[in-house]
Amino acid sequence: SLPLTAGYLLAIPFAMATALPALGAWFAARGLCGIP
């Protein structure tokens, strides 16, 4: 069930982690999830 249920358990850390400006900068520096 984890593909459908893990999000409930990880909702709070998921929201916090994906909001971190430092994580966004890390993604941008490496071109991860970049668009054309």
Full PDB file with SEQRES, HELIX, SHEET, SSBOND, CRYST1, ORIGX, SCALE, CONECT and MASTER records, all heavy atoms in Angstrom:
SEQRES   1 A   36  SER LEU PRO LEU THR ALA GLY TYR LEU LEU ALA ILE PRO          
SEQRES   2 A   36  PHE ALA MET ALA THR ALA LEU PRO ALA LEU GLY ALA TRP          
SEQRES   3 A   36  PHE ALA ALA ARG GLY LEU CYS GLY ILE PRO                      
HELIX    1 AA1 LEU A    2  LEU A    9  1                                   8    
HELIX    2 AA2 ALA A   11  ALA A   19  1                                   9    
HELIX    3 AA3 PRO A   21  ARG A   30  1                                  10    
CRYST1    1.000    1.000    1.000  90.00  90.00  90.00 P 1           1          
ORIGX1      1.000000  0.000000  0.000000        0.00000                         
ORIGX2      0.000000  1.000000  0.000000        0.00000                         
ORIGX3      0.000000  0.000000  1.000000        0.00000                         
SCALE1      1.000000  0.000000  0.000000        0.00000                         
SCALE2      0.000000  1.000000  0.000000        0.00000                         
SCALE3      0.000000  0.000000  1.000000        0.00000                         
ATOM      1  N   SER A   1       0.807  -1.237   0.000  1.00  0.00           N  
ATOM      2  CA  SER A   1       0.000   0.000   0.000  1.00  0.00           C  
ATOM      3  C   SER A   1       0.829   1.270   0.000  1.00  0.00           C  
ATOM      4  O   SER A   1       0.282   2.359  -0.208  1.00  0.00           O  
ATOM      5  CB  SER A   1      -0.915   0.007   1.234  1.00  0.00           C  
ATOM      6  OG  SER A   1      -0.185   0.350   2.416  1.00  0.00           O  
ATOM      7  N   LEU A   2       2.141   1.172   0.216  1.00  0.00           N  
ATOM      8  CA  LEU A   2       2.952   2.372   0.430  1.00  0.00           C  
ATOM      9  C   LEU A   2       2.866   3.427  -0.675  1.00  0.00           C  
ATOM     10  O   LEU A   2       2.883   4.629  -0.380  1.00  0.00           O  
ATOM     11  CB  LEU A   2       4.410   1.969   0.670  1.00  0.00           C  
ATOM     12  CG  LEU A   2       4.701   1.337   2.036  1.00  0.00           C  
ATOM     13  CD1 LEU A   2       6.177   0.957   2.151  1.00  0.00           C  
ATOM     14  CD2 LEU A   2       4.303   2.284   3.167  1.00  0.00           C  
ATOM     15  N   PRO A   3       2.781   3.049  -1.965  1.00  0.00           N  
ATOM     16  CA  PRO A   3       2.635   4.110  -2.970  1.00  0.00           C  
ATOM     17  C   PRO A   3       1.433   5.015  -2.722  1.00  0.00           C  
ATOM     18  O   PRO A   3       1.470   6.206  -3.062  1.00  0.00           O  
ATOM     19  CB  PRO A   3       2.486   3.326  -4.282  1.00  0.00           C  
ATOM     20  CG  PRO A   3       3.221   2.054  -4.040  1.00  0.00           C  
ATOM     21  CD  PRO A   3       2.949   1.723  -2.592  1.00  0.00           C  
ATOM     22  N   LEU A   4       0.381   4.470  -2.126  1.00  0.00           N  
ATOM     23  CA  LEU A   4      -0.827   5.254  -1.888  1.00  0.00           C  
ATOM     24  C   LEU A   4      -0.940   5.768  -0.457  1.00  0.00           C  
ATOM     25  O   LEU A   4      -1.726   6.690  -0.200  1.00  0.00           O  
ATOM     26  CB  LEU A   4      -2.072   4.418  -2.213  1.00  0.00           C  
ATOM     27  CG  LEU A   4      -2.183   3.890  -3.647  1.00  0.00           C  
ATOM     28  CD1 LEU A   4      -3.483   3.120  -3.817  1.00  0.00           C  
ATOM     29  CD2 LEU A   4      -2.098   5.018  -4.655  1.00  0.00           C  
ATOM     30  N   THR A   5      -0.196   5.192   0.476  1.00  0.00           N  
ATOM     31  CA  THR A   5      -0.387   5.548   1.885  1.00  0.00           C  
ATOM     32  C   THR A   5       0.803   6.241   2.537  1.00  0.00           C  
ATOM     33  O   THR A   5       0.648   6.881   3.570  1.00  0.00           O  
ATOM     34  CB  THR A   5      -0.722   4.291   2.713  1.00  0.00           C  
ATOM     35  OG1 THR A   5       0.366   3.353   2.605  1.00  0.00           O  
ATOM     36  CG2 THR A   5      -2.005   3.636   2.221  1.00  0.00           C  
ATOM     37  N   ALA A   6       1.981   6.137   1.948  1.00  0.00           N  
ATOM     38  CA  ALA A   6       3.161   6.744   2.578  1.00  0.00           C  
ATOM     39  C   ALA A   6       3.005   8.246   2.731  1.00  0.00           C  
ATOM     40  O   ALA A   6       3.514   8.839   3.685  1.00  0.00           O  
ATOM     41  CB  ALA A   6       4.422   6.418   1.756  1.00  0.00           C  
ATOM     42  N   GLY A   7       2.292   8.861   1.817  1.00  0.00           N  
ATOM     43  CA  GLY A   7       2.104  10.308   1.881  1.00  0.00           C  
ATOM     44  C   GLY A   7       1.389  10.771   3.129  1.00  0.00           C  
ATOM     45  O   GLY A   7       1.635  11.886   3.612  1.00  0.00           O  
ATOM     46  N   TYR A   8       0.505   9.943   3.685  1.00  0.00           N  
ATOM     47  CA  TYR A   8      -0.176  10.322   4.926  1.00  0.00           C  
ATOM     48  C   TYR A   8       0.831  10.422   6.073  1.00  0.00           C  
ATOM     49  O   TYR A   8       0.812  11.380   6.851  1.00  0.00           O  
ATOM     50  CB  TYR A   8      -1.252   9.290   5.288  1.00  0.00           C  
ATOM     51  CG  TYR A   8      -2.270   9.028   4.214  1.00  0.00           C  
ATOM     52  CD1 TYR A   8      -2.622   7.720   3.869  1.00  0.00           C  
ATOM     53  CD2 TYR A   8      -2.894  10.065   3.538  1.00  0.00           C  
ATOM     54  CE1 TYR A   8      -3.558   7.456   2.890  1.00  0.00           C  
ATOM     55  CE2 TYR A   8      -3.837   9.814   2.554  1.00  0.00           C  
ATOM     56  CZ  TYR A   8      -4.160   8.514   2.236  1.00  0.00           C  
ATOM     57  OH  TYR A   8      -5.084   8.261   1.259  1.00  0.00           O  
ATOM     58  N   LEU A   9       1.690   9.430   6.170  1.00  0.00           N  
ATOM     59  CA  LEU A   9       2.656   9.388   7.259  1.00  0.00           C  
ATOM     60  C   LEU A   9       3.718  10.475   7.111  1.00  0.00           C  
ATOM     61  O   LEU A   9       4.157  11.072   8.095  1.00  0.00           O  
ATOM     62  CB  LEU A   9       3.325   8.006   7.306  1.00  0.00           C  
ATOM     63  CG  LEU A   9       4.325   7.774   8.436  1.00  0.00           C  
ATOM     64  CD1 LEU A   9       3.620   7.804   9.790  1.00  0.00           C  
ATOM     65  CD2 LEU A   9       5.044   6.436   8.240  1.00  0.00           C  
ATOM     66  N   LEU A  10       4.110  10.749   5.871  1.00  0.00           N  
ATOM     67  CA  LEU A  10       5.210  11.691   5.611  1.00  0.00           C  
ATOM     68  C   LEU A  10       4.729  13.093   5.265  1.00  0.00           C  
ATOM     69  O   LEU A  10       5.534  13.932   4.858  1.00  0.00           O  
ATOM     70  CB  LEU A  10       6.069  11.143   4.461  1.00  0.00           C  
ATOM     71  CG  LEU A  10       6.715   9.774   4.689  1.00  0.00           C  
ATOM     72  CD1 LEU A  10       7.439   9.308   3.437  1.00  0.00           C  
ATOM     73  CD2 LEU A  10       7.663   9.807   5.881  1.00  0.00           C  
ATOM     74  N   ALA A  11       3.460  13.370   5.417  1.00  0.00           N  
ATOM     75  CA  ALA A  11       2.902  14.646   4.967  1.00  0.00           C  
ATOM     76  C   ALA A  11       3.639  15.843   5.552  1.00  0.00           C  
ATOM     77  O   ALA A  11       3.993  16.791   4.830  1.00  0.00           O  
ATOM     78  CB  ALA A  11       1.414  14.712   5.317  1.00  0.00           C  
ATOM     79  N   ILE A  12       3.870  15.834   6.851  1.00  0.00           N  
ATOM     80  CA  ILE A  12       4.492  16.993   7.498  1.00  0.00           C  
ATOM     81  C   ILE A  12       5.948  17.155   7.075  1.00  0.00           C  
ATOM     82  O   ILE A  12       6.334  18.241   6.617  1.00  0.00           O  
ATOM     83  CB  ILE A  12       4.341  16.890   9.027  1.00  0.00           C  
ATOM     84  CG1 ILE A  12       2.855  17.050   9.404  1.00  0.00           C  
ATOM     85  CG2 ILE A  12       5.183  17.965   9.720  1.00  0.00           C  
ATOM     86  CD1 ILE A  12       2.560  16.815  10.869  1.00  0.00           C  
ATOM     87  N   PRO A  13       6.802  16.122   7.187  1.00  0.00           N  
ATOM     88  CA  PRO A  13       8.176  16.311   6.707  1.00  0.00           C  
ATOM     89  C   PRO A  13       8.253  16.554   5.209  1.00  0.00           C  
ATOM     90  O   PRO A  13       9.134  17.276   4.737  1.00  0.00           O  
ATOM     91  CB  PRO A  13       8.879  15.007   7.108  1.00  0.00           C  
ATOM     92  CG  PRO A  13       7.793  14.025   7.366  1.00  0.00           C  
ATOM     93  CD  PRO A  13       6.632  14.813   7.856  1.00  0.00           C  
ATOM     94  N   PHE A  14       7.336  15.966   4.434  1.00  0.00           N  
ATOM     95  CA  PHE A  14       7.313  16.191   2.991  1.00  0.00           C  
ATOM     96  C   PHE A  14       7.037  17.663   2.687  1.00  0.00           C  
ATOM     97  O   PHE A  14       7.718  18.282   1.863  1.00  0.00           O  
ATOM     98  CB  PHE A  14       6.241  15.301   2.358  1.00  0.00           C  
ATOM     99  CG  PHE A  14       5.963  15.599   0.914  1.00  0.00           C  
ATOM    100  CD1 PHE A  14       6.883  15.278  -0.069  1.00  0.00           C  
ATOM    101  CD2 PHE A  14       4.767  16.190   0.526  1.00  0.00           C  
ATOM    102  CE1 PHE A  14       6.629  15.538  -1.411  1.00  0.00           C  
ATOM    103  CE2 PHE A  14       4.501  16.452  -0.804  1.00  0.00           C  
ATOM    104  CZ  PHE A  14       5.431  16.127  -1.775  1.00  0.00           C  
ATOM    105  N   ALA A  15       6.046  18.232   3.350  1.00  0.00           N  
ATOM    106  CA  ALA A  15       5.716  19.646   3.125  1.00  0.00           C  
ATOM    107  C   ALA A  15       6.876  20.546   3.533  1.00  0.00           C  
ATOM    108  O   ALA A  15       7.200  21.520   2.841  1.00  0.00           O  
ATOM    109  CB  ALA A  15       4.455  20.020   3.898  1.00  0.00           C  
ATOM    110  N   MET A  16       7.504  20.234   4.660  1.00  0.00           N  
ATOM    111  CA  MET A  16       8.603  21.064   5.135  1.00  0.00           C  
ATOM    112  C   MET A  16       9.830  20.951   4.236  1.00  0.00           C  
ATOM    113  O   MET A  16      10.471  21.953   3.893  1.00  0.00           O  
ATOM    114  CB  MET A  16       8.961  20.672   6.573  1.00  0.00           C  
ATOM    115  CG  MET A  16       7.872  20.969   7.595  1.00  0.00           C  
ATOM    116  SD  MET A  16       8.303  20.393   9.256  1.00  0.00           S  
ATOM    117  CE  MET A  16       9.725  21.439   9.620  1.00  0.00           C  
ATOM    118  N   ALA A  17      10.162  19.724   3.829  1.00  0.00           N  
ATOM    119  CA  ALA A  17      11.362  19.521   3.016  1.00  0.00           C  
ATOM    120  C   ALA A  17      11.232  20.182   1.655  1.00  0.00           C  
ATOM    121  O   ALA A  17      12.154  20.868   1.183  1.00  0.00           O  
ATOM    122  CB  ALA A  17      11.633  18.031   2.854  1.00  0.00           C  
ATOM    123  N   THR A  18      10.085  19.996   0.993  1.00  0.00           N  
ATOM    124  CA  THR A  18       9.917  20.554  -0.354  1.00  0.00           C  
ATOM    125  C   THR A  18       9.763  22.066  -0.344  1.00  0.00           C  
ATOM    126  O   THR A  18       9.842  22.699  -1.401  1.00  0.00           O  
ATOM    127  CB  THR A  18       8.701  19.920  -1.054  1.00  0.00           C  
ATOM    128  OG1 THR A  18       7.534  20.067  -0.224  1.00  0.00           O  
ATOM    129  CG2 THR A  18       8.946  18.449  -1.333  1.00  0.00           C  
ATOM    130  N   ALA A  19       9.537  22.650   0.839  1.00  0.00           N  
ATOM    131  CA  ALA A  19       9.463  24.110   0.941  1.00  0.00           C  
ATOM    132  C   ALA A  19      10.810  24.747   1.231  1.00  0.00           C  
ATOM    133  O   ALA A  19      10.942  25.979   1.145  1.00  0.00           O  
ATOM    134  CB  ALA A  19       8.459  24.511   2.030  1.00  0.00           C  
ATOM    135  N   LEU A  20      11.798  23.950   1.597  1.00  0.00           N  
ATOM    136  CA  LEU A  20      13.098  24.510   1.990  1.00  0.00           C  
ATOM    137  C   LEU A  20      13.768  25.221   0.814  1.00  0.00           C  
ATOM    138  O   LEU A  20      14.036  24.598  -0.218  1.00  0.00           O  
ATOM    139  CB  LEU A  20      14.020  23.395   2.483  1.00  0.00           C  
ATOM    140  CG  LEU A  20      13.765  22.840   3.881  1.00  0.00           C  
ATOM    141  CD1 LEU A  20      14.664  21.635   4.128  1.00  0.00           C  
ATOM    142  CD2 LEU A  20      14.004  23.923   4.937  1.00  0.00           C  
ATOM    143  N   PRO A  21      14.063  26.508   0.937  1.00  0.00           N  
ATOM    144  CA  PRO A  21      14.796  27.189  -0.137  1.00  0.00           C  
ATOM    145  C   PRO A  21      16.134  26.532  -0.444  1.00  0.00           C  
ATOM    146  O   PRO A  21      16.572  26.503  -1.598  1.00  0.00           O  
ATOM    147  CB  PRO A  21      14.977  28.609   0.413  1.00  0.00           C  
ATOM    148  CG  PRO A  21      13.834  28.798   1.364  1.00  0.00           C  
ATOM    149  CD  PRO A  21      13.641  27.446   1.999  1.00  0.00           C  
ATOM    150  N   ALA A  22      16.773  25.963   0.596  1.00  0.00           N  
ATOM    151  CA  ALA A  22      18.066  25.313   0.370  1.00  0.00           C  
ATOM    152  C   ALA A  22      17.930  24.095  -0.534  1.00  0.00           C  
ATOM    153  O   ALA A  22      18.795  23.834  -1.385  1.00  0.00           O  
ATOM    154  CB  ALA A  22      18.686  24.911   1.708  1.00  0.00           C  
ATOM    155  N   LEU A  23      16.849  23.331  -0.378  1.00  0.00           N  
ATOM    156  CA  LEU A  23      16.637  22.176  -1.245  1.00  0.00           C  
ATOM    157  C   LEU A  23      16.353  22.625  -2.673  1.00  0.00           C  
ATOM    158  O   LEU A  23      16.848  22.033  -3.638  1.00  0.00           O  
ATOM    159  CB  LEU A  23      15.491  21.315  -0.724  1.00  0.00           C  
ATOM    160  CG  LEU A  23      15.199  20.040  -1.534  1.00  0.00           C  
ATOM    161  CD1 LEU A  23      16.413  19.119  -1.539  1.00  0.00           C  
ATOM    162  CD2 LEU A  23      13.971  19.322  -0.983  1.00  0.00           C  
ATOM    163  N   GLY A  24      15.565  23.678  -2.809  1.00  0.00           N  
ATOM    164  CA  GLY A  24      15.319  24.212  -4.140  1.00  0.00           C  
ATOM    165  C   GLY A  24      16.590  24.673  -4.812  1.00  0.00           C  
ATOM    166  O   GLY A  24      16.812  24.428  -6.003  1.00  0.00           O  
ATOM    167  N   ALA A  25      17.467  25.339  -4.048  1.00  0.00           N  
ATOM    168  CA  ALA A  25      18.746  25.797  -4.605  1.00  0.00           C  
ATOM    169  C   ALA A  25      19.624  24.609  -4.984  1.00  0.00           C  
ATOM    170  O   ALA A  25      20.329  24.649  -6.003  1.00  0.00           O  
ATOM    171  CB  ALA A  25      19.455  26.687  -3.590  1.00  0.00           C  
ATOM    172  N   TRP A  26      19.578  23.543  -4.172  1.00  0.00           N  
ATOM    173  CA  TRP A  26      20.371  22.344  -4.458  1.00  0.00           C  
ATOM    174  C   TRP A  26      19.891  21.690  -5.749  1.00  0.00           C  
ATOM    175  O   TRP A  26      20.696  21.292  -6.593  1.00  0.00           O  
ATOM    176  CB  TRP A  26      20.259  21.380  -3.281  1.00  0.00           C  
ATOM    177  CG  TRP A  26      21.202  20.223  -3.337  1.00  0.00           C  
ATOM    178  CD1 TRP A  26      22.495  20.185  -2.893  1.00  0.00           C  
ATOM    179  CD2 TRP A  26      20.912  18.913  -3.852  1.00  0.00           C  
ATOM    180  NE1 TRP A  26      23.035  18.939  -3.104  1.00  0.00           N  
ATOM    181  CE2 TRP A  26      22.092  18.139  -3.697  1.00  0.00           C  
ATOM    182  CE3 TRP A  26      19.792  18.327  -4.446  1.00  0.00           C  
ATOM    183  CZ2 TRP A  26      22.160  16.814  -4.103  1.00  0.00           C  
ATOM    184  CZ3 TRP A  26      19.862  17.001  -4.856  1.00  0.00           C  
ATOM    185  CH2 TRP A  26      21.036  16.262  -4.675  1.00  0.00           C  
ATOM    186  N   PHE A  27      18.571  21.595  -5.915  1.00  0.00           N  
ATOM    187  CA  PHE A  27      18.012  21.052  -7.151  1.00  0.00           C  
ATOM    188  C   PHE A  27      18.425  21.904  -8.346  1.00  0.00           C  
ATOM    189  O   PHE A  27      18.818  21.387  -9.392  1.00  0.00           O  
ATOM    190  CB  PHE A  27      16.484  20.998  -7.053  1.00  0.00           C  
ATOM    191  CG  PHE A  27      15.943  19.724  -6.480  1.00  0.00           C  
ATOM    192  CD1 PHE A  27      16.461  19.184  -5.320  1.00  0.00           C  
ATOM    193  CD2 PHE A  27      14.899  19.066  -7.095  1.00  0.00           C  
ATOM    194  CE1 PHE A  27      15.967  18.012  -4.782  1.00  0.00           C  
ATOM    195  CE2 PHE A  27      14.387  17.883  -6.576  1.00  0.00           C  
ATOM    196  CZ  PHE A  27      14.920  17.358  -5.416  1.00  0.00           C  
ATOM    197  N   ALA A  28      18.302  23.223  -8.195  1.00  0.00           N  
ATOM    198  CA  ALA A  28      18.600  24.133  -9.310  1.00  0.00           C  
ATOM    199  C   ALA A  28      20.072  24.048  -9.703  1.00  0.00           C  
ATOM    200  O   ALA A  28      20.408  24.057 -10.896  1.00  0.00           O  
ATOM    201  CB  ALA A  28      18.224  25.560  -8.936  1.00  0.00           C  
ATOM    202  N   ALA A  29      20.960  23.964  -8.721  1.00  0.00           N  
ATOM    203  CA  ALA A  29      22.391  23.914  -9.016  1.00  0.00           C  
ATOM    204  C   ALA A  29      22.754  22.661  -9.805  1.00  0.00           C  
ATOM    205  O   ALA A  29      23.714  22.675 -10.598  1.00  0.00           O  
ATOM    206  CB  ALA A  29      23.191  23.969  -7.715  1.00  0.00           C  
ATOM    207  N   ARG A  30      22.003  21.599  -9.627  1.00  0.00           N  
ATOM    208  CA  ARG A  30      22.292  20.346 -10.311  1.00  0.00           C  
ATOM    209  C   ARG A  30      21.370  20.100 -11.504  1.00  0.00           C  
ATOM    210  O   ARG A  30      21.465  19.054 -12.162  1.00  0.00           O  
ATOM    211  CB  ARG A  30      22.192  19.190  -9.316  1.00  0.00           C  
ATOM    212  CG  ARG A  30      23.359  19.181  -8.328  1.00  0.00           C  
ATOM    213  CD  ARG A  30      23.031  18.521  -7.024  1.00  0.00           C  
ATOM    214  NE  ARG A  30      24.172  18.616  -6.115  1.00  0.00           N  
ATOM    215  CZ  ARG A  30      24.473  19.718  -5.407  1.00  0.00           C  
ATOM    216  NH1 ARG A  30      23.696  20.803  -5.509  1.00  0.00           N  
ATOM    217  NH2 ARG A  30      25.530  19.742  -4.620  1.00  0.00           N  
ATOM    218  N   GLY A  31      20.472  21.036 -11.744  1.00  0.00           N  
ATOM    219  CA  GLY A  31      19.574  20.901 -12.881  1.00  0.00           C  
ATOM    220  C   GLY A  31      18.512  19.838 -12.716  1.00  0.00           C  
ATOM    221  O   GLY A  31      17.892  19.405 -13.692  1.00  0.00           O  
ATOM    222  N   LEU A  32      18.267  19.406 -11.476  1.00  0.00           N  
ATOM    223  CA  LEU A  32      17.267  18.373 -11.239  1.00  0.00           C  
ATOM    224  C   LEU A  32      15.862  18.942 -11.353  1.00  0.00           C  
ATOM    225  O   LEU A  32      15.566  20.029 -10.843  1.00  0.00           O  
ATOM    226  CB  LEU A  32      17.469  17.744  -9.860  1.00  0.00           C  
ATOM    227  CG  LEU A  32      18.748  16.913  -9.693  1.00  0.00           C  
ATOM    228  CD1 LEU A  32      18.883  16.443  -8.251  1.00  0.00           C  
ATOM    229  CD2 LEU A  32      18.749  15.727 -10.651  1.00  0.00           C  
ATOM    230  N   CYS A  33      15.009  18.188 -12.020  1.00  0.00           N  
ATOM    231  CA  CYS A  33      13.627  18.615 -12.270  1.00  0.00           C  
ATOM    232  C   CYS A  33      13.598  19.978 -12.958  1.00  0.00           C  
ATOM    233  O   CYS A  33      12.677  20.767 -12.750  1.00  0.00           O  
ATOM    234  CB  CYS A  33      12.810  18.622 -10.984  1.00  0.00           C  
ATOM    235  SG  CYS A  33      12.621  16.977 -10.263  1.00  0.00           S  
ATOM    236  N   GLY A  34      14.619  20.215 -13.754  1.00  0.00           N  
ATOM    237  CA  GLY A  34      14.646  21.445 -14.539  1.00  0.00           C  
ATOM    238  C   GLY A  34      13.783  21.311 -15.780  1.00  0.00           C  
ATOM    239  O   GLY A  34      13.481  20.210 -16.249  1.00  0.00           O  
ATOM    240  N   ILE A  35      13.388  22.442 -16.314  1.00  0.00           N  
ATOM    241  CA  ILE A  35      12.596  22.488 -17.530  1.00  0.00           C  
ATOM    242  C   ILE A  35      13.437  23.167 -18.613  1.00  0.00           C  
ATOM    243  O   ILE A  35      14.480  23.760 -18.311  1.00  0.00           O  
ATOM    244  CB  ILE A  35      11.272  23.241 -17.289  1.00  0.00           C  
ATOM    245  CG1 ILE A  35      11.529  24.627 -16.683  1.00  0.00           C  
ATOM    246  CG2 ILE A  35      10.356  22.425 -16.376  1.00  0.00           C  
ATOM    247  CD1 ILE A  35      10.271  25.447 -16.462  1.00  0.00           C  
ATOM    248  N   PRO A  36      13.057  23.081 -19.870  1.00  0.00           N  
ATOM    249  CA  PRO A  36      13.879  23.680 -20.928  1.00  0.00           C  
ATOM    250  C   PRO A  36      14.234  25.141 -20.678  1.00  0.00           C  
ATOM    251  O   PRO A  36      15.345  25.579 -21.019  1.00  0.00           O  
ATOM    252  CB  PRO A  36      13.009  23.516 -22.173  1.00  0.00           C  
ATOM    253  CG  PRO A  36      12.228  22.270 -21.909  1.00  0.00           C  
ATOM    254  CD  PRO A  36      11.933  22.310 -20.438  1.00  0.00           C  
TER     255      PRO A  36                                                      
MASTER        0    0    0    3    0    0    0    6  254    1    0    3          
END                                                                             
